[in-house]
Amino acid sequence: MDVPIFERTKQRLTNAGPFPELFQLELIEADDEKSRIRMQCREDLEHAFGAMHGGALMSFADIASVVWAHIHTKGQLAGTQQFSINFLRQASGNYIDAISEVVHNGRTSLVVQTTLENDAGECVALITQTQAVRPLEQ
């Protein structure tokens, strides 16, 4: 019996390693088309001017994209090959959501587009990430 995609995504996020735990991420939704992962805006993740630090946002986007890529590689290994981010506005508010969608799922690569939105639904950053897809070593 297949495990529902929400549960697989939640499990993958939980097992993503110690670094993602620093961000205290929460899976909000996941279906066949997209996932939504939430990061609370916290003072320890802000830059000197009170908005979320770009490095924290990049790391968050990378984690969300990789988790979503792993769900779609069907038991293969996905590793970041290319990462591009466009910051569109300062990220502030109560939380930031990462909404990830697969835009290409090929034999050797997978492309994920992730949008970061603030709690007002405004896009704060747009990320495109290419994942190299390789067989898992047995």
Protein backbone atom coordinates (compact mmCIF):
# COMPACT_ATOMS: atom_id res chain seq x y z
CA MET A 1 0.00 0.00 0.00
CA ASP A 2 1.34 3.44 -0.95
CA VAL A 3 1.94 5.93 1.82
CA PRO A 4 0.00 9.15 1.11
CA ILE A 5 2.13 11.94 -0.33
CA PHE A 6 1.55 14.21 2.69
CA GLU A 7 2.92 11.55 5.04
CA ARG A 8 5.91 10.78 2.77
CA THR A 9 6.73 14.49 2.57
CA LYS A 10 6.38 14.92 6.33
CA GLN A 11 8.67 11.92 6.91
CA ARG A 12 11.25 13.24 4.42
CA LEU A 13 11.21 16.68 6.08
CA THR A 14 11.59 15.10 9.53
CA ASN A 15 14.54 12.99 8.35
CA ALA A 16 16.29 15.78 6.42
CA GLY A 17 19.10 15.99 8.98
CA PRO A 18 20.24 18.27 11.79
CA PHE A 19 20.65 21.49 9.76
CA PRO A 20 16.96 21.79 8.75
CA GLU A 21 15.98 21.31 12.40
CA LEU A 22 17.46 24.74 13.14
CA PHE A 23 14.63 26.31 11.14
CA GLN A 24 11.79 24.48 12.97
CA LEU A 25 9.93 23.83 9.73
CA GLU A 26 6.32 22.66 9.51
CA LEU A 27 4.65 20.88 6.61
CA ILE A 28 1.36 22.64 5.87
CA GLU A 29 0.21 20.78 2.75
CA ALA A 30 1.42 18.32 0.14
CA ASP A 31 -0.44 16.74 -2.75
CA ASP A 32 0.54 15.45 -6.19
CA GLU A 33 1.12 18.99 -7.51
CA LYS A 34 2.86 20.96 -4.75
CA SER A 35 4.05 21.17 -1.19
CA ARG A 36 3.85 24.04 1.30
CA ILE A 37 6.38 24.18 4.14
CA ARG A 38 6.32 26.95 6.75
CA MET A 39 9.11 28.71 8.62
CA GLN A 40 8.23 31.08 11.44
CA CYS A 41 9.92 34.49 11.27
CA ARG A 42 12.22 34.65 14.26
CA GLU A 43 14.58 37.29 15.55
CA ASP A 44 17.57 34.93 15.39
CA LEU A 45 16.99 34.56 11.61
CA GLU A 46 16.78 38.32 10.90
CA HIS A 47 19.43 40.67 9.57
CA ALA A 48 20.35 43.95 11.28
CA PHE A 49 17.38 45.80 9.74
CA GLY A 50 14.69 43.47 11.11
CA ALA A 51 13.70 41.38 8.07
CA MET A 52 14.58 37.74 7.42
CA HIS A 53 18.21 37.21 6.44
CA GLY A 54 18.77 36.19 2.80
CA GLY A 55 20.95 33.26 3.87
CA ALA A 56 18.15 31.88 6.04
CA LEU A 57 15.71 32.25 3.13
CA MET A 58 18.11 30.54 0.71
CA SER A 59 18.64 27.64 3.10
CA PHE A 60 14.91 27.31 3.70
CA ALA A 61 14.21 27.31 -0.05
CA ASP A 62 16.93 24.71 -0.64
CA ILE A 63 15.53 22.41 2.05
CA ALA A 64 11.96 22.74 0.71
CA SER A 65 13.08 22.12 -2.88
CA VAL A 66 15.22 19.10 -2.01
CA VAL A 67 12.48 17.53 0.12
CA TRP A 68 10.02 17.93 -2.76
CA ALA A 69 12.54 16.60 -5.29
CA HIS A 70 13.13 13.47 -3.21
CA ILE A 71 9.39 12.78 -3.19
CA HIS A 72 9.39 12.83 -7.00
CA THR A 73 12.57 10.84 -7.76
CA LYS A 74 10.93 7.51 -6.91
CA GLY A 75 13.68 6.00 -4.76
CA GLN A 76 16.60 7.64 -6.52
CA LEU A 77 19.07 10.15 -5.14
CA ALA A 78 18.52 13.85 -5.88
CA GLY A 79 21.30 16.37 -5.27
CA THR A 80 21.34 20.09 -5.97
CA GLN A 81 23.09 20.83 -9.24
CA GLN A 82 21.95 24.43 -9.75
CA PHE A 83 20.22 26.98 -7.50
CA SER A 84 18.93 30.39 -8.59
CA ILE A 85 17.06 32.86 -6.40
CA ASN A 86 15.47 36.22 -7.11
CA PHE A 87 14.68 38.28 -4.01
CA LEU A 88 11.62 40.41 -4.77
CA ARG A 89 10.92 42.14 -1.44
CA GLN A 90 11.98 41.99 2.19
CA ALA A 91 10.68 38.95 4.01
CA SER A 92 8.94 39.81 7.25
CA GLY A 93 5.72 39.05 9.10
CA ASN A 94 4.80 36.06 11.23
CA TYR A 95 5.94 33.33 8.83
CA ILE A 96 7.26 32.53 5.38
CA ASP A 97 5.86 29.66 3.28
CA ALA A 98 7.84 27.75 0.66
CA ILE A 99 5.55 26.46 -2.11
CA SER A 100 7.39 23.92 -4.28
CA GLU A 101 6.32 22.46 -7.62
CA VAL A 102 8.11 20.16 -10.06
CA VAL A 103 8.37 21.76 -13.50
CA HIS A 104 10.50 19.04 -15.15
CA ASN A 105 11.00 15.41 -14.15
CA GLY A 106 13.48 13.78 -16.51
CA ARG A 107 15.65 10.69 -16.47
CA THR A 108 18.76 12.42 -15.06
CA SER A 109 17.47 15.75 -13.78
CA LEU A 110 14.52 17.26 -12.00
CA VAL A 111 13.65 20.98 -11.85
CA VAL A 112 11.76 22.39 -8.88
CA GLN A 113 10.35 25.92 -8.68
CA THR A 114 9.83 27.25 -5.18
CA THR A 115 8.03 30.46 -4.30
CA LEU A 116 8.56 32.05 -0.89
CA GLU A 117 5.48 33.92 0.34
CA ASN A 118 4.96 36.01 3.46
CA ASP A 119 1.89 35.70 5.69
CA ALA A 120 0.10 38.28 3.49
CA GLY A 121 0.47 35.98 0.47
CA GLU A 122 3.03 38.25 -1.20
CA CYS A 123 5.89 36.65 -3.13
CA VAL A 124 9.19 37.56 -1.47
CA ALA A 125 11.47 35.31 -3.55
CA LEU A 126 11.36 33.00 -6.56
CA ILE A 127 13.72 30.03 -6.72
CA THR A 128 14.53 27.59 -9.52
CA GLN A 129 16.55 24.55 -8.61
CA THR A 130 17.89 21.73 -10.78
CA GLN A 131 18.44 18.38 -9.09
CA ALA A 132 20.77 15.75 -10.50
CA VAL A 133 18.97 12.40 -10.29
CA ARG A 134 21.09 9.30 -9.74
CA PRO A 135 20.40 5.71 -8.68
CA LEU A 136 20.88 4.98 -4.99
CA GLU A 137 23.91 2.83 -4.21
CA GLN A 138 22.71 -0.57 -3.06
